[in-house]
Amino acid sequence: MATVGYYSMTAGQGQASQVDEITNNGDTAVNVTIPNATQLASLDSLYVVNPSNSGFGAEYMNNLGAITAAVNSGMNLVIFDRAVTNAQTILPGTGSTITAVRDFASGSDVNVAAGAPTSFTNGANGVIDDSTFDGGTYSNHGYVELSSLPPGATALLTTSDPTHIVAFTYPVGSGNVFYSTMPIDFYTGQNNAAISPADIFTLFTNTQQTVMCFAAGTMIETLLGQRAVEDLRIGSAVQIHDGRVERIRWISASKISASDLKGNPKLRPVRITAGALGNGLPTRDLLVSRQHRMLVRSRVAERMFGAREA
């Protein structure tokens, strides 16, 4: 699964309330104390909240260059912002072109934007629809003008006015940025009648836009021989790396459309060609998600990492 760093602009480090959004999806949570190049290097995503209604954290701003470089190299950046005014100053790349407006007039209404991809609205952790985040205490703190979205951006959520964007995503280099005016720091962990913790789990995990882990047709070693990954079930006995057999305890699957793949290159799988890992492995071409880990066991790995297995 993915490694997700969490960080609050006001705390200068991650907040405990951010962790369950990450671990609920089976990902690894890492508390980021300074969002610099060193701490960002191992992350697949950086999850940022700005609990301030009046501005942005100096530490975040001082490290925006490192954050931008990490996104360019493939990291996802997820930002939930209360301040909204001058939000263009906290966004990497072409996000600096947006026009952000702090506004509470339609703050209780959040709708799915026309053309929002199915990978966002219908994720592994639930469905987002036009009523999911309505009726909260200022479900959003403003909006971004549709006409000001950066090139390649996709509108995801709006107010009652479809030109007022509450959440959007856009590419930066090999990475992706998600920005929202929703005060998620308030709702996470709160038992709110309008916006529940389950709603927050769905919202956050659907922002990741990652696909785990094997493409359909991948053959998995089981007690009954090789079986296609899509034919496995909870309880199926599979062989793990050390030769032992374990039973599957959890399965998740995603269906991604051609338009989703075209619009977000990070959803496209990686092909590891037959023999690319040495010793004839893999024995046939292997399609896996970009976040998939591979175990390498060799003397070369030991020389490079100080461990026989890496």
Protein backbone atom coordinates (compact mmCIF):
# COMPACT_ATOMS: atom_id res chain seq x y z
CA MET A 1 0.00 0.00 0.00
CA ALA A 2 0.94 3.65 -0.20
CA THR A 3 3.05 5.62 2.28
CA VAL A 4 1.18 8.81 3.19
CA GLY A 5 2.69 11.67 5.16
CA TYR A 6 0.36 13.85 7.20
CA TYR A 7 0.97 17.47 8.18
CA SER A 8 -0.91 20.44 9.70
CA MET A 9 0.10 23.98 8.77
CA THR A 10 -0.84 25.29 12.23
CA ALA A 11 0.73 22.49 14.29
CA GLY A 12 3.98 22.34 12.31
CA GLN A 13 3.62 18.56 12.22
CA GLY A 14 0.92 15.97 11.70
CA GLN A 15 -2.19 15.83 13.88
CA ALA A 16 -3.37 12.56 15.40
CA SER A 17 -6.86 13.13 13.94
CA GLN A 18 -5.43 12.74 10.42
CA VAL A 19 -4.14 9.21 10.94
CA ASP A 20 -7.32 7.16 10.63
CA GLU A 21 -8.08 8.59 7.18
CA ILE A 22 -4.81 7.01 6.05
CA THR A 23 -4.80 3.72 7.95
CA ASN A 24 -8.48 3.07 7.22
CA ASN A 25 -7.40 2.57 3.61
CA GLY A 26 -4.63 0.16 4.59
CA ASP A 27 -1.91 2.74 3.92
CA THR A 28 1.08 3.61 6.13
CA ALA A 29 0.86 6.95 7.99
CA VAL A 30 4.04 9.00 8.52
CA ASN A 31 4.08 12.09 10.74
CA VAL A 32 5.82 14.87 8.79
CA THR A 33 7.45 17.39 11.14
CA ILE A 34 9.07 19.51 8.42
CA PRO A 35 7.90 19.13 4.80
CA ASN A 36 11.43 19.25 3.41
CA ALA A 37 13.12 17.14 0.74
CA THR A 38 14.42 14.60 3.27
CA GLN A 39 11.05 13.82 4.82
CA LEU A 40 9.17 13.91 1.51
CA ALA A 41 11.55 11.53 -0.27
CA SER A 42 9.85 8.32 0.92
CA LEU A 43 6.23 9.46 0.51
CA ASP A 44 3.69 8.49 -2.12
CA SER A 45 1.34 11.24 -0.87
CA LEU A 46 1.44 14.24 1.45
CA TYR A 47 -1.87 14.98 3.23
CA VAL A 48 -2.03 18.59 4.44
CA VAL A 49 -4.68 20.39 6.49
CA ASN A 50 -4.78 24.13 7.13
CA PRO A 51 -6.92 24.72 10.25
CA SER A 52 -6.29 28.48 10.13
CA ASN A 53 -9.04 30.77 8.87
CA SER A 54 -6.68 33.66 8.28
CA GLY A 55 -3.50 32.48 6.57
CA PHE A 56 -0.96 29.76 5.81
CA GLY A 57 1.81 28.17 7.85
CA ALA A 58 5.25 29.77 7.47
CA GLU A 59 7.00 26.39 7.62
CA TYR A 60 4.90 25.05 4.75
CA MET A 61 5.52 28.19 2.69
CA ASN A 62 9.27 28.02 3.36
CA ASN A 63 9.35 24.46 2.01
CA LEU A 64 7.05 24.96 -0.97
CA GLY A 65 10.03 24.50 -3.31
CA ALA A 66 10.77 21.06 -1.86
CA ILE A 67 7.07 20.14 -2.00
CA THR A 68 6.88 21.22 -5.64
CA ALA A 69 9.97 19.15 -6.50
CA ALA A 70 8.49 16.08 -4.79
CA VAL A 71 5.20 16.45 -6.69
CA ASN A 72 7.11 16.86 -9.95
CA SER A 73 8.82 13.56 -9.16
CA GLY A 74 5.52 11.72 -8.66
CA MET A 75 4.18 12.50 -5.17
CA ASN A 76 0.46 13.22 -4.63
CA LEU A 77 -0.27 16.42 -2.69
CA VAL A 78 -3.67 16.58 -0.95
CA ILE A 79 -4.65 19.91 0.68
CA PHE A 80 -7.77 20.77 2.69
CA ASP A 81 -7.74 24.52 3.33
CA ARG A 82 -9.85 26.77 5.58
CA ALA A 83 -8.31 30.14 4.70
CA VAL A 84 -8.97 30.01 0.92
CA THR A 85 -8.00 33.66 0.29
CA ASN A 86 -4.73 33.69 -1.70
CA ALA A 87 -4.76 29.89 -1.96
CA GLN A 88 -2.80 30.25 -5.19
CA THR A 89 0.29 30.94 -3.08
CA ILE A 90 0.28 27.46 -1.51
CA LEU A 91 -0.15 25.46 -4.71
CA PRO A 92 2.78 24.14 -6.77
CA GLY A 93 3.16 24.52 -10.52
CA THR A 94 0.33 26.06 -12.51
CA GLY A 95 -1.90 26.14 -9.43
CA SER A 96 -0.55 29.65 -8.88
CA THR A 97 -3.00 30.88 -11.56
CA ILE A 98 -6.22 30.18 -9.63
CA THR A 99 -8.64 32.77 -8.29
CA ALA A 100 -9.80 31.70 -4.81
CA VAL A 101 -12.69 33.35 -2.98
CA ARG A 102 -13.45 32.91 0.73
CA ASP A 103 -17.25 32.76 1.01
CA PHE A 104 -19.84 31.23 3.34
CA ALA A 105 -23.04 32.10 1.45
CA SER A 106 -23.32 28.60 -0.01
CA GLY A 107 -21.12 26.93 2.57
CA SER A 108 -23.54 24.12 3.43
CA ASP A 109 -23.93 22.91 -0.16
CA VAL A 110 -21.40 20.64 -1.88
CA ASN A 111 -22.19 18.93 -5.19
CA VAL A 112 -20.37 16.59 -7.56
CA ALA A 113 -18.99 18.53 -10.52
CA ALA A 114 -20.09 17.66 -14.04
CA GLY A 115 -17.49 15.37 -15.55
CA ALA A 116 -15.93 14.28 -12.25
CA PRO A 117 -14.20 10.93 -12.91
CA THR A 118 -15.69 7.70 -11.60
CA SER A 119 -12.41 6.98 -9.80
CA PHE A 120 -13.25 9.94 -7.53
CA THR A 121 -17.01 9.60 -7.09
CA ASN A 122 -17.12 5.80 -6.82
CA GLY A 123 -14.04 4.71 -4.91
CA ALA A 124 -13.17 1.61 -2.94
CA ASN A 125 -14.31 3.26 0.30
CA GLY A 126 -17.72 4.46 -0.80
CA VAL A 127 -19.62 6.72 -3.15
CA ILE A 128 -19.54 10.53 -3.18
CA ASP A 129 -22.76 12.14 -4.43
CA ASP A 130 -24.56 15.50 -4.35
CA SER A 131 -25.76 15.04 -0.76
CA THR A 132 -22.73 13.41 0.87
CA PHE A 133 -21.24 16.58 2.39
CA ASP A 134 -24.31 18.85 2.48
CA GLY A 135 -25.68 20.35 5.66
CA GLY A 136 -22.48 20.59 7.66
CA THR A 137 -21.33 23.63 9.60
CA TYR A 138 -19.83 25.43 6.59
CA SER A 139 -19.12 22.30 4.55
CA ASN A 140 -16.86 24.55 2.48
CA HIS A 141 -15.17 27.86 3.21
CA GLY A 142 -15.31 29.23 -0.31
CA TYR A 143 -14.50 28.31 -3.86
CA VAL A 144 -12.14 28.62 -6.82
CA GLU A 145 -13.38 30.18 -10.04
CA LEU A 146 -13.85 27.48 -12.70
CA SER A 147 -12.36 29.74 -15.38
CA SER A 148 -9.12 30.07 -13.39
CA LEU A 149 -8.35 26.35 -12.98
CA PRO A 150 -4.86 25.39 -14.23
CA PRO A 151 -4.32 23.51 -17.51
CA GLY A 152 -5.31 19.85 -17.27
CA ALA A 153 -7.35 20.42 -14.10
CA THR A 154 -10.44 18.36 -13.31
CA ALA A 155 -13.26 19.88 -11.26
CA LEU A 156 -14.50 17.42 -8.63
CA LEU A 157 -16.88 19.25 -6.27
CA THR A 158 -18.79 22.54 -6.54
CA THR A 159 -21.17 24.73 -4.56
CA SER A 160 -24.74 25.13 -5.86
CA ASP A 161 -23.10 27.25 -8.58
CA PRO A 162 -21.27 24.86 -10.95
CA THR A 163 -18.68 27.55 -11.73
CA HIS A 164 -17.66 27.73 -8.05
CA ILE A 165 -15.25 24.84 -7.46
CA VAL A 166 -14.92 23.35 -3.97
CA ALA A 167 -12.39 20.66 -4.94
CA PHE A 168 -10.26 20.02 -8.00
CA THR A 169 -7.17 18.13 -9.08
CA TYR A 170 -4.44 18.94 -11.58
CA PRO A 171 -1.14 17.41 -12.75
CA VAL A 172 2.31 18.74 -11.87
CA GLY A 173 5.12 16.88 -13.61
CA SER A 174 4.74 13.19 -12.75
CA GLY A 175 2.60 13.98 -9.69
CA ASN A 176 -0.84 15.22 -8.88
CA VAL A 177 -2.33 17.96 -6.66
CA PHE A 178 -5.75 17.84 -4.98
CA TYR A 179 -7.05 21.08 -3.40
CA SER A 180 -10.29 21.61 -1.48
CA THR A 181 -11.89 24.43 0.49
CA MET A 182 -13.56 21.93 2.86
CA PRO A 183 -12.54 22.26 6.55
CA ILE A 184 -11.82 18.55 6.90
CA ASP A 185 -9.77 19.16 10.08
CA PHE A 186 -13.04 20.04 11.87
CA TYR A 187 -15.00 17.01 10.70
CA THR A 188 -12.37 14.30 11.01
CA GLY A 189 -13.11 12.29 14.14
CA GLN A 190 -16.30 14.27 14.81
CA ASN A 191 -19.62 12.47 15.14
CA ASN A 192 -21.49 15.04 13.05
CA ALA A 193 -24.98 14.21 11.82
CA ALA A 194 -24.32 15.75 8.40
CA ILE A 195 -20.71 14.73 7.79
CA SER A 196 -19.69 11.52 9.55
CA PRO A 197 -16.22 10.01 9.99
CA ALA A 198 -17.20 7.45 7.33
CA ASP A 199 -17.87 10.32 4.91
CA ILE A 200 -14.42 11.72 5.65
CA PHE A 201 -12.81 8.32 5.04
CA THR A 202 -14.56 8.16 1.67
CA LEU A 203 -13.59 11.70 0.71
CA PHE A 204 -9.93 11.33 1.66
CA THR A 205 -9.35 7.89 0.20
CA ASN A 206 -11.09 8.85 -3.04
CA THR A 207 -8.66 11.77 -3.43
CA GLN A 208 -5.70 9.42 -3.66
CA GLN A 209 -6.60 8.22 -7.15
CA THR A 210 -4.32 5.23 -6.88
CA VAL A 211 -5.00 1.70 -7.98
CA MET A 212 -3.85 -1.31 -5.95
CA CYS A 213 -2.15 -3.55 -6.86
CA PHE A 214 -2.34 -6.24 -9.61
CA ALA A 215 -3.98 -5.82 -13.02
CA ALA A 216 -6.61 -8.36 -13.99
CA GLY A 217 -5.04 -11.51 -15.41
CA THR A 218 -2.05 -11.53 -13.05
CA MET A 219 -1.40 -15.12 -11.97
CA ILE A 220 -0.99 -15.78 -8.22
CA GLU A 221 0.52 -18.93 -6.67
CA THR A 222 -2.08 -20.79 -4.56
CA LEU A 223 -2.39 -24.24 -3.03
CA LEU A 224 -4.41 -25.17 -6.12
CA GLY A 225 -1.81 -23.84 -8.54
CA GLN A 226 -1.71 -20.49 -10.33
CA ARG A 227 -4.98 -18.55 -10.38
CA ALA A 228 -5.87 -15.16 -11.87
CA VAL A 229 -5.94 -12.48 -9.19
CA GLU A 230 -9.55 -11.56 -9.98
CA ASP A 231 -10.62 -15.15 -9.19
CA LEU A 232 -9.24 -15.08 -5.64
CA ARG A 233 -11.55 -14.74 -2.66
CA ILE A 234 -11.21 -14.00 1.05
CA GLY A 235 -9.98 -17.26 2.56
CA SER A 236 -8.04 -18.36 -0.53
CA ALA A 237 -4.66 -19.91 0.41
CA VAL A 238 -1.75 -18.19 -1.35
CA GLN A 239 1.99 -18.70 -1.22
CA ILE A 240 3.98 -15.81 0.25
CA HIS A 241 7.60 -14.81 -0.33
CA ASP A 242 9.22 -17.21 2.15
CA GLY A 243 7.37 -20.27 0.83
CA ARG A 244 4.76 -20.37 3.60
CA VAL A 245 1.03 -20.32 2.84
CA GLU A 246 -1.33 -17.69 4.20
CA ARG A 247 -5.04 -17.11 3.69
CA ILE A 248 -6.32 -13.86 2.19
CA ARG A 249 -8.05 -11.66 4.78
CA TRP A 250 -8.94 -8.62 2.66
CA ILE A 251 -9.62 -7.92 -1.02
CA SER A 252 -10.33 -4.64 -2.81
CA ALA A 253 -10.77 -3.93 -6.51
CA SER A 254 -11.12 -0.85 -8.71
CA LYS A 255 -12.50 -0.49 -12.23
CA ILE A 256 -10.90 2.36 -14.15
CA SER A 257 -12.35 3.70 -17.39
CA ALA A 258 -10.36 4.65 -20.48
CA SER A 259 -11.19 8.33 -19.87
CA ASP A 260 -9.87 8.08 -16.29
CA LEU A 261 -6.60 6.57 -17.55
CA LYS A 262 -6.27 9.28 -20.18
CA GLY A 263 -6.96 12.08 -17.72
CA ASN A 264 -4.70 10.84 -14.93
CA PRO A 265 -1.45 9.14 -16.00
CA LYS A 266 -0.75 8.09 -12.37
CA LEU A 267 -3.56 5.53 -12.66
CA ARG A 268 -1.80 3.74 -15.50
CA PRO A 269 -0.04 0.52 -14.50
CA VAL A 270 3.65 -0.27 -14.85
CA ARG A 271 4.70 -3.20 -17.03
CA ILE A 272 7.66 -5.22 -15.69
CA THR A 273 8.78 -7.27 -18.65
CA ALA A 274 9.67 -10.96 -18.39
CA GLY A 275 13.19 -11.43 -17.01
CA ALA A 276 13.65 -7.75 -16.06
CA LEU A 277 14.36 -8.55 -12.38
CA GLY A 278 17.00 -11.18 -13.14
CA ASN A 279 17.10 -14.97 -12.90
CA GLY A 280 14.27 -15.19 -15.41
CA LEU A 281 11.86 -13.26 -13.17
CA PRO A 282 9.15 -12.40 -13.68
CA THR A 283 8.44 -15.42 -15.87
CA ARG A 284 6.00 -13.36 -17.92
CA ASP A 285 5.17 -9.66 -18.26
CA LEU A 286 3.66 -8.31 -15.03
CA LEU A 287 1.28 -5.32 -14.77
CA VAL A 288 1.19 -3.67 -11.34
CA SER A 289 0.19 -0.33 -9.87
CA ARG A 290 2.82 2.39 -9.52
CA GLN A 291 2.73 2.08 -5.73
CA HIS A 292 3.39 -1.67 -5.74
CA ARG A 293 6.44 -2.80 -3.76
CA MET A 294 8.83 -5.46 -5.08
CA LEU A 295 11.04 -7.61 -2.85
CA VAL A 296 14.61 -7.95 -4.11
CA ARG A 297 16.87 -10.57 -2.53
CA SER A 298 20.50 -10.56 -3.69
CA ARG A 299 24.10 -9.71 -2.85
CA VAL A 300 23.68 -6.50 -4.83
CA ALA A 301 20.78 -5.50 -2.56
CA GLU A 302 22.95 -6.25 0.48
CA ARG A 303 25.76 -4.04 -0.83
CA MET A 304 23.35 -1.20 -1.62
CA PHE A 305 21.04 -1.31 1.43
CA GLY A 306 22.92 -3.27 4.08
CA ALA A 307 20.30 -6.03 4.07
CA ARG A 308 19.97 -9.23 2.10
CA GLU A 309 16.34 -8.39 1.34
CA ALA A 310 15.10 -4.93 0.28
